Amino acid sequence: MRDPAPSNTSDREIVVMRVFDSPRALVFKAWTDPKHLAHWWGPNGFSITTYEMEFKPGGVWRFVMHGPDGRDYQNKIVYVEIAEPERLVYMHVSEPQFKMTVTFADDGGQTRLTARMVFESAAIRDRTVKAFGAVEGLKQTLGRLAEHMAHMKESPR
């Protein structure tokens, strides 16, 4: 997938925002450390196995999402930009392809996280929403992150 031009992308994006009752450095760590990702990544009922994670620009994160129905979903991500703890940009290069930008904004000790998925076309976005339930899946994933953040606050690992 080529990097979408910096034009109006609203017709081909999915944006979800959530506020976490945790400092952004901790939320960023939960999003970027495979030890934490294993506890919350994916919609309800999913689990993941990480096979490779080279957390640096140009580095690859290769993992499998295991669905509650027993189906496996291969994923490959290439990191584009890492600005700890403010911003993370990566390309999801396995199908469906998209560019993900995650911002972690400090909000008085809380973190306002915004996840923006930009697809090459509105048609690809629409297919992804229909085939994978991408909007609800992203909301559920962030809900699982919120649950994990509560556990991290109780007993930081």
N, C-alpha and C. Protein backbone atom coordinates (compact mmCIF):
# COMPACT_ATOMS: atom_id res chain seq x y z
N MET A 1 0.85 -1.18 0.00
CA MET A 1 0.00 0.00 0.00
C MET A 1 0.89 1.23 0.00
N ARG A 2 0.60 2.14 -0.87
CA ARG A 2 1.34 3.40 -0.85
C ARG A 2 0.79 4.27 0.26
N ASP A 3 1.60 5.17 0.76
CA ASP A 3 1.20 6.06 1.83
C ASP A 3 0.17 7.04 1.27
N PRO A 4 -1.05 7.08 1.85
CA PRO A 4 -2.07 7.99 1.33
C PRO A 4 -1.60 9.45 1.38
N ALA A 5 -1.98 10.19 0.37
CA ALA A 5 -1.60 11.61 0.30
C ALA A 5 -2.25 12.37 1.46
N PRO A 6 -1.59 13.43 1.92
CA PRO A 6 -2.13 14.19 3.04
C PRO A 6 -3.27 15.10 2.60
N SER A 7 -4.37 14.50 2.18
CA SER A 7 -5.55 15.24 1.76
C SER A 7 -6.66 14.91 2.75
N ASN A 8 -7.86 15.33 2.44
CA ASN A 8 -8.99 14.99 3.29
C ASN A 8 -9.23 13.48 3.20
N THR A 9 -9.07 12.80 4.33
CA THR A 9 -9.17 11.34 4.33
C THR A 9 -10.44 10.85 5.03
N SER A 10 -11.35 11.75 5.38
CA SER A 10 -12.50 11.35 6.19
C SER A 10 -13.35 10.26 5.55
N ASP A 11 -13.38 10.19 4.22
CA ASP A 11 -14.20 9.18 3.56
C ASP A 11 -13.54 7.81 3.52
N ARG A 12 -12.28 7.72 3.96
CA ARG A 12 -11.58 6.44 3.92
C ARG A 12 -10.87 6.12 5.23
N GLU A 13 -11.38 6.66 6.32
CA GLU A 13 -10.74 6.41 7.61
C GLU A 13 -11.73 5.93 8.66
N ILE A 14 -11.15 5.32 9.68
CA ILE A 14 -11.87 4.94 10.89
C ILE A 14 -11.12 5.63 12.03
N VAL A 15 -11.84 6.37 12.85
CA VAL A 15 -11.24 7.07 13.98
C VAL A 15 -12.00 6.71 15.25
N VAL A 16 -11.26 6.29 16.26
CA VAL A 16 -11.85 5.98 17.56
C VAL A 16 -11.00 6.66 18.63
N MET A 17 -11.66 7.31 19.58
CA MET A 17 -10.97 7.99 20.67
C MET A 17 -11.49 7.45 21.99
N ARG A 18 -10.56 7.37 22.98
CA ARG A 18 -10.94 6.92 24.31
C ARG A 18 -10.00 7.58 25.32
N VAL A 19 -10.54 7.90 26.49
CA VAL A 19 -9.74 8.47 27.58
C VAL A 19 -9.47 7.36 28.59
N PHE A 20 -8.19 7.24 28.97
CA PHE A 20 -7.75 6.23 29.94
C PHE A 20 -7.33 6.93 31.22
N ASP A 21 -7.68 6.35 32.35
CA ASP A 21 -7.32 6.90 33.64
C ASP A 21 -5.92 6.43 34.03
N SER A 22 -4.97 6.72 33.17
CA SER A 22 -3.57 6.32 33.36
C SER A 22 -2.69 7.34 32.67
N PRO A 23 -1.46 7.52 33.16
CA PRO A 23 -0.54 8.44 32.48
C PRO A 23 -0.15 7.91 31.11
N ARG A 24 0.11 8.84 30.20
CA ARG A 24 0.34 8.40 28.81
C ARG A 24 1.58 7.53 28.65
N ALA A 25 2.62 7.72 29.47
CA ALA A 25 3.79 6.85 29.34
C ALA A 25 3.41 5.40 29.59
N LEU A 26 2.49 5.17 30.52
CA LEU A 26 2.05 3.81 30.82
C LEU A 26 1.16 3.24 29.71
N VAL A 27 0.29 4.08 29.16
CA VAL A 27 -0.57 3.64 28.05
C VAL A 27 0.29 3.33 26.82
N PHE A 28 1.27 4.18 26.56
CA PHE A 28 2.18 3.95 25.43
C PHE A 28 2.92 2.63 25.62
N LYS A 29 3.39 2.37 26.83
CA LYS A 29 4.10 1.12 27.12
C LYS A 29 3.20 -0.09 26.87
N ALA A 30 1.95 0.00 27.31
CA ALA A 30 1.01 -1.11 27.11
C ALA A 30 0.77 -1.37 25.63
N TRP A 31 0.84 -0.31 24.80
CA TRP A 31 0.59 -0.43 23.36
C TRP A 31 1.81 -0.96 22.61
N THR A 32 3.00 -0.88 23.23
CA THR A 32 4.22 -1.18 22.48
C THR A 32 5.08 -2.29 23.06
N ASP A 33 4.66 -2.90 24.13
CA ASP A 33 5.43 -3.96 24.77
C ASP A 33 4.68 -5.29 24.60
N PRO A 34 5.29 -6.27 23.91
CA PRO A 34 4.58 -7.53 23.66
C PRO A 34 4.10 -8.22 24.93
N LYS A 35 4.79 -8.01 26.03
CA LYS A 35 4.37 -8.60 27.30
C LYS A 35 2.98 -8.09 27.70
N HIS A 36 2.71 -6.81 27.42
CA HIS A 36 1.40 -6.23 27.72
C HIS A 36 0.39 -6.50 26.61
N LEU A 37 0.83 -6.41 25.36
CA LEU A 37 -0.07 -6.63 24.23
C LEU A 37 -0.77 -7.99 24.32
N ALA A 38 -0.07 -8.98 24.82
CA ALA A 38 -0.64 -10.33 24.92
C ALA A 38 -1.88 -10.36 25.81
N HIS A 39 -2.05 -9.37 26.67
CA HIS A 39 -3.18 -9.35 27.61
C HIS A 39 -4.42 -8.66 27.06
N TRP A 40 -4.28 -7.84 26.00
CA TRP A 40 -5.44 -7.05 25.60
C TRP A 40 -5.64 -6.87 24.10
N TRP A 41 -4.68 -7.18 23.26
CA TRP A 41 -4.79 -6.85 21.84
C TRP A 41 -5.90 -7.65 21.16
N GLY A 42 -6.75 -6.96 20.45
CA GLY A 42 -7.81 -7.59 19.67
C GLY A 42 -9.17 -7.43 20.33
N PRO A 43 -10.21 -7.68 19.54
CA PRO A 43 -11.58 -7.59 20.07
C PRO A 43 -11.84 -8.65 21.14
N ASN A 44 -12.98 -8.53 21.77
CA ASN A 44 -13.37 -9.48 22.82
C ASN A 44 -13.26 -10.92 22.31
N GLY A 45 -12.67 -11.77 23.12
CA GLY A 45 -12.54 -13.18 22.80
C GLY A 45 -11.30 -13.54 22.00
N PHE A 46 -10.54 -12.55 21.54
CA PHE A 46 -9.34 -12.80 20.75
C PHE A 46 -8.11 -12.90 21.66
N SER A 47 -7.09 -13.58 21.15
CA SER A 47 -5.78 -13.60 21.79
C SER A 47 -4.75 -13.43 20.67
N ILE A 48 -3.50 -13.16 21.06
CA ILE A 48 -2.47 -13.01 20.02
C ILE A 48 -1.22 -13.78 20.41
N THR A 49 -0.49 -14.15 19.38
CA THR A 49 0.85 -14.70 19.53
C THR A 49 1.77 -13.82 18.70
N THR A 50 2.75 -13.20 19.37
CA THR A 50 3.73 -12.36 18.68
C THR A 50 4.93 -13.24 18.31
N TYR A 51 5.31 -13.18 17.04
CA TYR A 51 6.46 -13.95 16.55
C TYR A 51 7.70 -13.09 16.37
N GLU A 52 7.48 -11.80 16.15
CA GLU A 52 8.60 -10.90 15.91
C GLU A 52 8.12 -9.49 16.24
N MET A 53 8.95 -8.74 16.95
CA MET A 53 8.63 -7.33 17.19
C MET A 53 9.93 -6.55 17.32
N GLU A 54 10.23 -5.80 16.27
CA GLU A 54 11.40 -4.94 16.26
C GLU A 54 10.87 -3.51 16.33
N PHE A 55 10.80 -2.98 17.55
CA PHE A 55 10.14 -1.70 17.80
C PHE A 55 11.09 -0.54 17.50
N LYS A 56 11.12 -0.18 16.21
CA LYS A 56 11.90 0.95 15.73
C LYS A 56 11.37 1.30 14.35
N PRO A 57 11.57 2.54 13.89
CA PRO A 57 11.13 2.87 12.53
C PRO A 57 11.74 1.90 11.52
N GLY A 58 10.88 1.34 10.68
CA GLY A 58 11.30 0.33 9.70
C GLY A 58 11.24 -1.08 10.26
N GLY A 59 11.06 -1.21 11.57
CA GLY A 59 10.97 -2.52 12.22
C GLY A 59 9.63 -3.18 11.96
N VAL A 60 9.61 -4.49 12.14
CA VAL A 60 8.42 -5.29 11.84
C VAL A 60 7.86 -5.90 13.12
N TRP A 61 6.53 -5.88 13.21
CA TRP A 61 5.81 -6.63 14.25
C TRP A 61 4.96 -7.64 13.50
N ARG A 62 5.25 -8.91 13.71
CA ARG A 62 4.53 -10.01 13.06
C ARG A 62 3.84 -10.82 14.14
N PHE A 63 2.51 -10.96 14.01
CA PHE A 63 1.74 -11.67 15.02
C PHE A 63 0.53 -12.34 14.39
N VAL A 64 -0.06 -13.25 15.14
CA VAL A 64 -1.29 -13.93 14.73
C VAL A 64 -2.36 -13.62 15.76
N MET A 65 -3.49 -13.16 15.27
CA MET A 65 -4.66 -12.99 16.14
C MET A 65 -5.47 -14.28 16.06
N HIS A 66 -5.80 -14.82 17.22
CA HIS A 66 -6.58 -16.06 17.30
C HIS A 66 -8.01 -15.69 17.66
N GLY A 67 -8.93 -15.96 16.73
CA GLY A 67 -10.33 -15.63 16.97
C GLY A 67 -11.01 -16.62 17.88
N PRO A 68 -12.11 -16.21 18.51
CA PRO A 68 -12.83 -17.11 19.41
C PRO A 68 -13.44 -18.31 18.67
N ASP A 69 -13.55 -18.20 17.34
CA ASP A 69 -14.09 -19.30 16.54
C ASP A 69 -12.99 -20.26 16.08
N GLY A 70 -11.73 -20.03 16.55
CA GLY A 70 -10.62 -20.89 16.18
C GLY A 70 -9.88 -20.45 14.93
N ARG A 71 -10.37 -19.41 14.28
CA ARG A 71 -9.72 -18.91 13.06
C ARG A 71 -8.51 -18.04 13.43
N ASP A 72 -7.44 -18.17 12.66
CA ASP A 72 -6.23 -17.38 12.87
C ASP A 72 -6.11 -16.31 11.79
N TYR A 73 -5.67 -15.13 12.22
CA TYR A 73 -5.50 -13.99 11.32
C TYR A 73 -4.05 -13.54 11.38
N GLN A 74 -3.32 -13.77 10.29
CA GLN A 74 -1.92 -13.36 10.21
C GLN A 74 -1.85 -11.85 10.07
N ASN A 75 -0.93 -11.21 10.79
CA ASN A 75 -0.76 -9.76 10.73
C ASN A 75 0.71 -9.41 10.63
N LYS A 76 0.98 -8.39 9.83
CA LYS A 76 2.33 -7.85 9.73
C LYS A 76 2.22 -6.33 9.72
N ILE A 77 2.97 -5.72 10.61
CA ILE A 77 2.99 -4.27 10.76
C ILE A 77 4.43 -3.80 10.57
N VAL A 78 4.60 -2.66 9.89
CA VAL A 78 5.90 -2.03 9.76
C VAL A 78 5.79 -0.65 10.40
N TYR A 79 6.66 -0.42 11.39
CA TYR A 79 6.65 0.86 12.09
C TYR A 79 7.22 1.96 11.19
N VAL A 80 6.53 3.10 11.15
CA VAL A 80 6.94 4.24 10.34
C VAL A 80 7.54 5.32 11.23
N GLU A 81 6.86 5.63 12.33
CA GLU A 81 7.29 6.71 13.22
C GLU A 81 7.01 6.31 14.66
N ILE A 82 7.98 6.56 15.53
CA ILE A 82 7.82 6.33 16.96
C ILE A 82 8.28 7.60 17.67
N ALA A 83 7.35 8.27 18.33
CA ALA A 83 7.68 9.47 19.11
C ALA A 83 7.15 9.23 20.52
N GLU A 84 7.93 8.50 21.30
CA GLU A 84 7.50 8.10 22.65
C GLU A 84 7.43 9.32 23.55
N PRO A 85 6.36 9.49 24.33
CA PRO A 85 5.14 8.70 24.42
C PRO A 85 3.96 9.36 23.71
N GLU A 86 4.22 10.21 22.71
CA GLU A 86 3.15 10.99 22.10
C GLU A 86 2.46 10.36 20.89
N ARG A 87 3.22 9.63 20.08
CA ARG A 87 2.67 9.25 18.77
C ARG A 87 3.34 7.98 18.25
N LEU A 88 2.53 7.19 17.56
CA LEU A 88 2.99 5.96 16.95
C LEU A 88 2.30 5.85 15.58
N VAL A 89 3.11 5.62 14.53
CA VAL A 89 2.56 5.47 13.18
C VAL A 89 3.10 4.17 12.61
N TYR A 90 2.20 3.36 12.05
CA TYR A 90 2.65 2.14 11.40
C TYR A 90 1.74 1.79 10.23
N MET A 91 2.31 0.98 9.35
CA MET A 91 1.56 0.47 8.20
C MET A 91 1.18 -0.98 8.50
N HIS A 92 -0.09 -1.28 8.36
CA HIS A 92 -0.57 -2.66 8.45
C HIS A 92 -0.45 -3.18 7.03
N VAL A 93 0.60 -3.97 6.75
CA VAL A 93 0.91 -4.35 5.37
C VAL A 93 0.27 -5.67 4.95
N SER A 94 -0.26 -6.43 5.92
CA SER A 94 -1.06 -7.59 5.53
C SER A 94 -2.48 -7.09 5.24
N GLU A 95 -3.25 -7.92 4.57
CA GLU A 95 -4.61 -7.49 4.20
C GLU A 95 -5.52 -7.47 5.42
N PRO A 96 -6.36 -6.47 5.56
CA PRO A 96 -6.48 -5.28 4.73
C PRO A 96 -5.40 -4.27 5.10
N GLN A 97 -4.87 -3.60 4.08
CA GLN A 97 -3.79 -2.65 4.31
C GLN A 97 -4.36 -1.30 4.75
N PHE A 98 -3.65 -0.69 5.72
CA PHE A 98 -4.03 0.65 6.17
C PHE A 98 -2.85 1.26 6.92
N LYS A 99 -2.94 2.56 7.10
CA LYS A 99 -1.96 3.28 7.91
C LYS A 99 -2.64 3.62 9.23
N MET A 100 -1.99 3.28 10.33
CA MET A 100 -2.54 3.55 11.66
C MET A 100 -1.69 4.63 12.32
N THR A 101 -2.35 5.65 12.82
CA THR A 101 -1.70 6.68 13.62
C THR A 101 -2.38 6.68 14.98
N VAL A 102 -1.59 6.49 16.03
CA VAL A 102 -2.12 6.49 17.39
C VAL A 102 -1.46 7.65 18.12
N THR A 103 -2.28 8.54 18.67
CA THR A 103 -1.75 9.63 19.46
C THR A 103 -2.13 9.43 20.92
N PHE A 104 -1.22 9.78 21.79
CA PHE A 104 -1.38 9.62 23.24
C PHE A 104 -1.23 11.03 23.83
N ALA A 105 -2.35 11.69 24.13
CA ALA A 105 -2.31 13.07 24.63
C ALA A 105 -2.48 13.08 26.14
N ASP A 106 -1.59 13.81 26.80
CA ASP A 106 -1.68 13.97 28.25
C ASP A 106 -2.88 14.85 28.55
N ASP A 107 -3.74 14.39 29.44
CA ASP A 107 -4.96 15.11 29.78
C ASP A 107 -5.08 15.16 31.30
N GLY A 108 -4.15 15.88 31.95
CA GLY A 108 -4.18 16.03 33.40
C GLY A 108 -4.00 14.72 34.15
N GLY A 109 -3.04 13.92 33.74
CA GLY A 109 -2.79 12.63 34.39
C GLY A 109 -3.53 11.48 33.74
N GLN A 110 -4.49 11.80 32.90
CA GLN A 110 -5.18 10.79 32.10
C GLN A 110 -4.58 10.83 30.70
N THR A 111 -4.98 9.89 29.87
CA THR A 111 -4.48 9.84 28.49
C THR A 111 -5.66 9.81 27.53
N ARG A 112 -5.66 10.73 26.60
CA ARG A 112 -6.66 10.73 25.53
C ARG A 112 -5.99 10.08 24.32
N LEU A 113 -6.41 8.88 24.02
CA LEU A 113 -5.84 8.11 22.91
C LEU A 113 -6.76 8.24 21.70
N THR A 114 -6.16 8.57 20.57
CA THR A 114 -6.91 8.62 19.31
C THR A 114 -6.24 7.66 18.34
N ALA A 115 -7.02 6.73 17.82
CA ALA A 115 -6.54 5.75 16.84
C ALA A 115 -7.19 6.08 15.50
N ARG A 116 -6.35 6.33 14.49
CA ARG A 116 -6.85 6.69 13.16
C ARG A 116 -6.30 5.72 12.13
N MET A 117 -7.20 4.95 11.52
CA MET A 117 -6.85 4.02 10.46
C MET A 117 -7.22 4.68 9.13
N VAL A 118 -6.25 4.82 8.22
CA VAL A 118 -6.51 5.41 6.92
C VAL A 118 -6.26 4.36 5.85
N PHE A 119 -7.28 4.14 5.03
CA PHE A 119 -7.22 3.15 3.96
C PHE A 119 -6.98 3.85 2.63
N GLU A 120 -6.54 3.10 1.64
CA GLU A 120 -6.25 3.67 0.33
C GLU A 120 -7.51 4.19 -0.34
N SER A 121 -8.66 3.58 -0.03
CA SER A 121 -9.90 4.03 -0.65
C SER A 121 -11.06 3.82 0.33
N ALA A 122 -12.16 4.53 0.05
CA ALA A 122 -13.36 4.36 0.86
C ALA A 122 -13.90 2.93 0.70
N ALA A 123 -13.75 2.37 -0.50
CA ALA A 123 -14.25 1.01 -0.75
C ALA A 123 -13.52 -0.01 0.13
N ILE A 124 -12.21 0.14 0.25
CA ILE A 124 -11.44 -0.79 1.10
C ILE A 124 -11.85 -0.61 2.56
N ARG A 125 -12.00 0.64 2.99
CA ARG A 125 -12.46 0.89 4.35
C ARG A 125 -13.82 0.23 4.58
N ASP A 126 -14.75 0.43 3.66
CA ASP A 126 -16.10 -0.12 3.81
C ASP A 126 -16.08 -1.65 3.85
N ARG A 127 -15.26 -2.27 3.00
CA ARG A 127 -15.13 -3.73 3.02
C ARG A 127 -14.57 -4.21 4.36
N THR A 128 -13.60 -3.48 4.89
CA THR A 128 -12.98 -3.85 6.17
C THR A 128 -13.99 -3.74 7.32
N VAL A 129 -14.79 -2.69 7.28
CA VAL A 129 -15.83 -2.53 8.31
C VAL A 129 -16.83 -3.68 8.22
N LYS A 130 -17.23 -4.02 6.99
CA LYS A 130 -18.24 -5.08 6.80
C LYS A 130 -17.68 -6.47 7.10
N ALA A 131 -16.51 -6.78 6.57
CA ALA A 131 -15.94 -8.13 6.69
C ALA A 131 -15.39 -8.42 8.08
N PHE A 132 -14.80 -7.41 8.73
CA PHE A 132 -14.10 -7.65 9.99
C PHE A 132 -14.72 -6.93 11.19
N GLY A 133 -15.79 -6.14 10.94
CA GLY A 133 -16.38 -5.39 12.05
C GLY A 133 -15.35 -4.44 12.66
N ALA A 134 -14.59 -3.75 11.81
CA ALA A 134 -13.42 -2.99 12.25
C ALA A 134 -13.74 -1.90 13.27
N VAL A 135 -14.85 -1.20 13.13
CA VAL A 135 -15.16 -0.12 14.07
C VAL A 135 -15.44 -0.70 15.45
N GLU A 136 -16.34 -1.65 15.51
CA GLU A 136 -16.67 -2.26 16.80
C GLU A 136 -15.46 -3.01 17.36
N GLY A 137 -14.71 -3.66 16.49
CA GLY A 137 -13.52 -4.38 16.94
C GLY A 137 -12.49 -3.45 17.57
N LEU A 138 -12.30 -2.27 16.97
CA LEU A 138 -11.36 -1.30 17.54
C LEU A 138 -11.87 -0.79 18.88
N LYS A 139 -13.16 -0.53 18.98
CA LYS A 139 -13.74 -0.08 20.25
C LYS A 139 -13.56 -1.16 21.33
N GLN A 140 -13.81 -2.42 20.97
CA GLN A 140 -13.63 -3.51 21.93
C GLN A 140 -12.17 -3.64 22.34
N THR A 141 -11.27 -3.49 21.38
CA THR A 141 -9.83 -3.58 21.67
C THR A 141 -9.43 -2.50 22.67
N LEU A 142 -9.90 -1.28 22.47
CA LEU A 142 -9.59 -0.20 23.41
C LEU A 142 -10.25 -0.44 24.77
N GLY A 143 -11.39 -1.09 24.78
CA GLY A 143 -12.01 -1.48 26.04
C GLY A 143 -11.16 -2.49 26.80
N ARG A 144 -10.60 -3.43 26.06
CA ARG A 144 -9.71 -4.41 26.70
C ARG A 144 -8.43 -3.74 27.20
N LEU A 145 -7.95 -2.74 26.45
CA LEU A 145 -6.79 -1.98 26.91
C LEU A 145 -7.12 -1.27 28.22
N ALA A 146 -8.31 -0.68 28.31
CA ALA A 146 -8.71 0.01 29.55
C ALA A 146 -8.71 -0.97 30.73
N GLU A 147 -9.21 -2.18 30.52
CA GLU A 147 -9.20 -3.19 31.58
C GLU A 147 -7.76 -3.54 31.97
N HIS A 148 -6.90 -3.68 30.99
CA HIS A 148 -5.51 -4.00 31.28
C HIS A 148 -4.83 -2.85 32.01
N MET A 149 -5.15 -1.62 31.63
CA MET A 149 -4.56 -0.46 32.32
C MET A 149 -4.94 -0.46 33.79
N ALA A 150 -6.16 -0.85 34.11
CA ALA A 150 -6.58 -0.92 35.52
C ALA A 150 -5.74 -1.94 36.26
N HIS A 151 -5.44 -3.08 35.62
CA HIS A 151 -4.59 -4.11 36.25
C HIS A 151 -3.15 -3.61 36.40
N MET A 152 -2.66 -2.86 35.40
CA MET A 152 -1.30 -2.33 35.47
C MET A 152 -1.17 -1.34 36.63
N LYS A 153 -2.20 -0.56 36.86
CA LYS A 153 -2.15 0.41 37.97
C LYS A 153 -2.13 -0.30 39.31
N GLU A 154 -2.87 -1.43 39.38
CA GLU A 154 -2.93 -2.19 40.63
C GLU A 154 -1.60 -2.89 40.92
N SER A 155 -1.02 -3.48 39.88
CA SER A 155 0.25 -4.19 40.05
C SER A 155 1.11 -3.99 38.81
N PRO A 156 1.85 -2.87 38.72
CA PRO A 156 2.66 -2.60 37.52
C PRO A 156 3.63 -3.75 37.25
N ARG A 157 3.65 -4.21 35.98
CA ARG A 157 4.51 -5.33 35.58
C ARG A 157 5.60 -4.85 34.69
